[in-house]
Amino acid sequence: MKSIMRFALVMLMALVLVACGSEEGETSTEQGDVITLKFGHHDAEVSYTQNPYHAYADTFKKLVEERTDGKVKVDLYPNSQLGDLRSMVEQAARGELDIVGGADVGLLSSYTKAVDILSVPYAFNSHHEVVELLNGELGDELTEEIVDKSNLHVLSYLPTALRHFSNSKHEIRTPDDMKGMKIRTQEIPVHQAMVRSLGANPTAIPFEEVYSALQTGVADGQENAPYTMINSNLHEVQDYYTMDGHLVNTATIMMNHDVLNSLDSELQEIIMDAALEAQTTMIDILDKRTEEDLETFKERGIQITELTKEEREKFKNLSMPAVLELLEKEVDQKWIDLLLSKIDMN
């Protein structure tokens, strides 16, 4: 009788240990035979044309789930449900979130200054130049650096459009026109150095607060691509738009590297292929939107100023040296040399 009771007690303890082990071993990415990936981004789920990051996320989700026959499930958390972009980047780095979408590459500067080379102003004439660069050697080397410093793996670089200055004061045609203006920037030092070099005052404001800041005069202007302004209704509180193309709007889709690495090679390949196809989908949508968005600006009464090559050169001659000087103090020279070897300085 004692032997039976002892055996029953041993079996009960074993069952408890198994149950506890299962609970502790189960992560946000594995539940039974299905691997679930949490994908957070800041865009609303309205339509592909209105919400490009929704277009990316939804395309990625459908491709991954279809090609893995449902073995991998992608749960989307749009509209900043899981926090602002900086918070979601930090969550993904810690492994609390599997994929984060929409974070500007500059937000990775706190992990590695190498990414700041993509914020050299007036380095590119179109975002398609940057797509080609980041889908090649430059992108591969940056991804390795980002993984090493942050544990985040870039699934897609998204150079979606050139960024331009808008404001509510007056037309900007020369750097002198910017003197004294309060220009909203992201909390990215090289962006702030660029604005300062042009005579304006950089004002770091979270994206979620930009509309009210412009509306109340906390900031006079900001810098973004047309689609970003339309999607956030910023065109409602701005009157002038100068198409200087100072930066390329380069966002990222990033995955926790440990989670990606935990998948077998076949699943990893499916995820990377889906990311490439989703990148193409998103950039194609935004290319088609540009003219439409500029027409919306005109209908709103916004004055659009297109700079000549000579006029743009005046902005470039002030801001590019200022930013390169800052980068030389903070970034390994090999990254600066790599960028300069890839771009047309003329």
Foldseek 3Di string as FASTA:
>chain_A
DVVVVVVVVVVVVVVVVVVVVVVVPDDCQDDPQAGEAEEEEQFDPDDCLQTVQNLLLVLLQVLLCVVVVNSYHYDYHYNQPVHAQLVVLLCQLVVVHFKYWDAFLLSLVVQPVLSCLQQQWPQDDWLVLVQVVLVDDLVVVVQVSSCVRRLKGFLDKALQTFKWKFFAPDEDQALVVQAAFEEEDAPGVLVQLLSVLSRYHYDHDGPVCVQVCLQVVVGGMYMGALSVCVSVVVLLRTAEIEPLRTHGRIITMIGRNVVLVVDDPVSNVSSSVSSVVSSVVSNVSSVVCRVVSVVVSVVSNHHYHYYDPVSSVNSSVRSNVSSVVVCVVRHDVVSNVVSVVSTDPD
